[in-house]
Amino acid sequence: MDFRGLPDYLAGGDYVQAFQRDASESSSTDTIQFYTNQRCNLYQLVDAANGMPKHENTSDYQWMKLPETVTINGRTLDIYRSRTLPEGYNGYFASNGFGIHNARNSGQYIVFAVAAP
């Protein structure tokens, strides 16, 4: 994955990416789940042609769309930041297609976890 051009605030963050073949999955049977090991913010990079996926307890993250975008593999991605999450928080993410209509040839989302100051 070519991450050149990412905003500085994502530098040093850990990341996970859903499988591209699950991009059109709408049953939410495939998920990404992890626990934070320290206070952090999650940043979700979402293909700008798509809406924000409807993850488990998505309102608990209090996502805020940031003004920056990033281009990865020729696709423009919007950047959303979560509230500051506590150590031990259970990040639980549904497949890209759960609850939204995906644009043709769109990419999967990427989640970064970055330590909170």
Protein backbone atom coordinates (compact mmCIF):
# COMPACT_ATOMS: atom_id res chain seq x y z
CA MET A 1 0.00 0.00 0.00
CA ASP A 2 1.43 3.35 -1.03
CA PHE A 3 0.84 5.77 1.84
CA ARG A 4 2.88 8.68 0.48
CA GLY A 5 1.04 11.94 1.00
CA LEU A 6 -0.74 11.00 4.22
CA PRO A 7 -1.33 13.89 6.65
CA ASP A 8 1.33 14.17 9.38
CA TYR A 9 -1.17 13.28 12.12
CA LEU A 10 -1.39 9.72 10.71
CA ALA A 11 2.39 9.19 10.77
CA GLY A 12 3.33 6.33 13.05
CA GLY A 13 -0.24 5.07 13.39
CA ASP A 14 -1.14 1.42 13.13
CA TYR A 15 -3.65 0.51 10.46
CA VAL A 16 -5.96 -2.23 9.25
CA GLN A 17 -7.71 -2.51 5.91
CA ALA A 18 -10.69 -4.61 4.97
CA PHE A 19 -10.30 -7.09 2.12
CA GLN A 20 -11.08 -5.55 -1.25
CA ARG A 21 -13.17 -8.58 -2.24
CA ASP A 22 -15.56 -7.65 0.59
CA ALA A 23 -16.18 -4.16 -0.81
CA SER A 24 -19.68 -5.00 -1.97
CA GLU A 25 -20.54 -7.26 0.98
CA SER A 26 -23.80 -6.06 2.51
CA SER A 27 -24.53 -8.71 5.13
CA SER A 28 -21.87 -7.54 7.61
CA THR A 29 -20.68 -11.11 8.14
CA ASP A 30 -17.05 -10.08 7.68
CA THR A 31 -15.78 -7.70 10.32
CA ILE A 32 -12.59 -6.18 11.65
CA GLN A 33 -12.31 -6.13 15.43
CA PHE A 34 -9.48 -4.96 17.67
CA TYR A 35 -8.81 -3.53 21.12
CA THR A 36 -6.84 -0.34 21.68
CA ASN A 37 -3.76 -0.68 23.88
CA GLN A 38 -3.71 3.02 24.84
CA ARG A 39 -5.81 6.16 24.52
CA CYS A 40 -6.09 6.98 20.84
CA ASN A 41 -8.08 8.44 18.02
CA LEU A 42 -9.21 6.29 15.15
CA TYR A 43 -9.09 7.70 11.65
CA GLN A 44 -11.22 6.05 9.00
CA LEU A 45 -10.26 6.71 5.38
CA VAL A 46 -13.31 6.11 3.19
CA ASP A 47 -13.49 6.18 -0.60
CA ALA A 48 -15.02 9.60 -1.34
CA ALA A 49 -17.40 8.01 -3.85
CA ASN A 50 -19.04 6.06 -1.00
CA GLY A 51 -20.88 6.97 2.14
CA MET A 52 -19.60 6.24 5.62
CA PRO A 53 -20.14 2.54 6.48
CA LYS A 54 -22.63 1.85 9.29
CA HIS A 55 -20.51 0.01 11.83
CA GLU A 56 -21.52 -1.47 15.16
CA ASN A 57 -22.17 1.42 17.59
CA THR A 58 -20.93 3.88 14.98
CA SER A 59 -22.44 6.79 16.94
CA ASP A 60 -20.18 5.93 19.90
CA TYR A 61 -17.14 6.85 17.80
CA GLN A 62 -18.56 10.36 17.22
CA TRP A 63 -17.00 10.49 13.75
CA MET A 64 -16.09 13.93 12.46
CA LYS A 65 -15.29 14.40 8.79
CA LEU A 66 -12.02 16.30 8.40
CA PRO A 67 -11.42 18.84 5.60
CA GLU A 68 -8.41 16.94 4.20
CA THR A 69 -8.57 14.12 1.69
CA VAL A 70 -5.87 11.69 0.62
CA THR A 71 -5.32 9.82 -2.63
CA ILE A 72 -4.37 6.15 -2.44
CA ASN A 73 -4.14 3.91 -5.49
CA GLY A 74 -5.72 6.63 -7.60
CA ARG A 75 -8.82 6.91 -5.37
CA THR A 76 -9.70 9.97 -3.27
CA LEU A 77 -10.50 9.09 0.33
CA ASP A 78 -12.30 11.23 2.89
CA ILE A 79 -10.85 11.22 6.40
CA TYR A 80 -13.03 10.81 9.51
CA ARG A 81 -11.69 11.11 13.08
CA SER A 82 -13.24 9.47 16.13
CA ARG A 83 -13.48 10.96 19.58
CA THR A 84 -10.54 10.10 21.84
CA LEU A 85 -11.06 6.48 22.83
CA PRO A 86 -9.86 4.89 26.08
CA GLU A 87 -7.30 2.11 26.42
CA GLY A 88 -9.03 -1.23 25.93
CA TYR A 89 -11.72 0.13 23.60
CA ASN A 90 -13.20 -2.51 21.28
CA GLY A 91 -13.04 -1.26 17.69
CA TYR A 92 -15.64 -3.18 15.69
CA PHE A 93 -16.02 -2.50 11.98
CA ALA A 94 -18.46 -4.00 9.50
CA SER A 95 -17.66 -4.67 5.88
CA ASN A 96 -17.51 -1.67 3.56
CA GLY A 97 -20.90 -2.34 2.00
CA PHE A 98 -22.97 -2.65 5.17
CA GLY A 99 -25.81 -0.15 5.09
CA ILE A 100 -24.60 1.89 2.09
CA HIS A 101 -24.44 1.72 -1.69
CA ASN A 102 -20.87 1.54 -2.95
CA ALA A 103 -19.73 3.22 -6.13
CA ARG A 104 -18.47 0.98 -8.91
CA ASN A 105 -14.75 0.12 -8.54
CA SER A 106 -14.53 1.90 -5.20
CA GLY A 107 -11.92 0.93 -2.65
CA GLN A 108 -12.24 -0.42 0.85
CA TYR A 109 -11.88 1.74 3.94
CA ILE A 110 -8.69 1.87 6.01
CA VAL A 111 -8.63 2.46 9.77
CA PHE A 112 -5.64 4.09 11.50
CA ALA A 113 -5.17 4.13 15.27
CA VAL A 114 -3.00 7.01 16.49
CA ALA A 115 -2.00 7.58 20.12
CA ALA A 116 -3.79 10.53 21.73
CA PRO A 117 -1.65 13.33 23.15
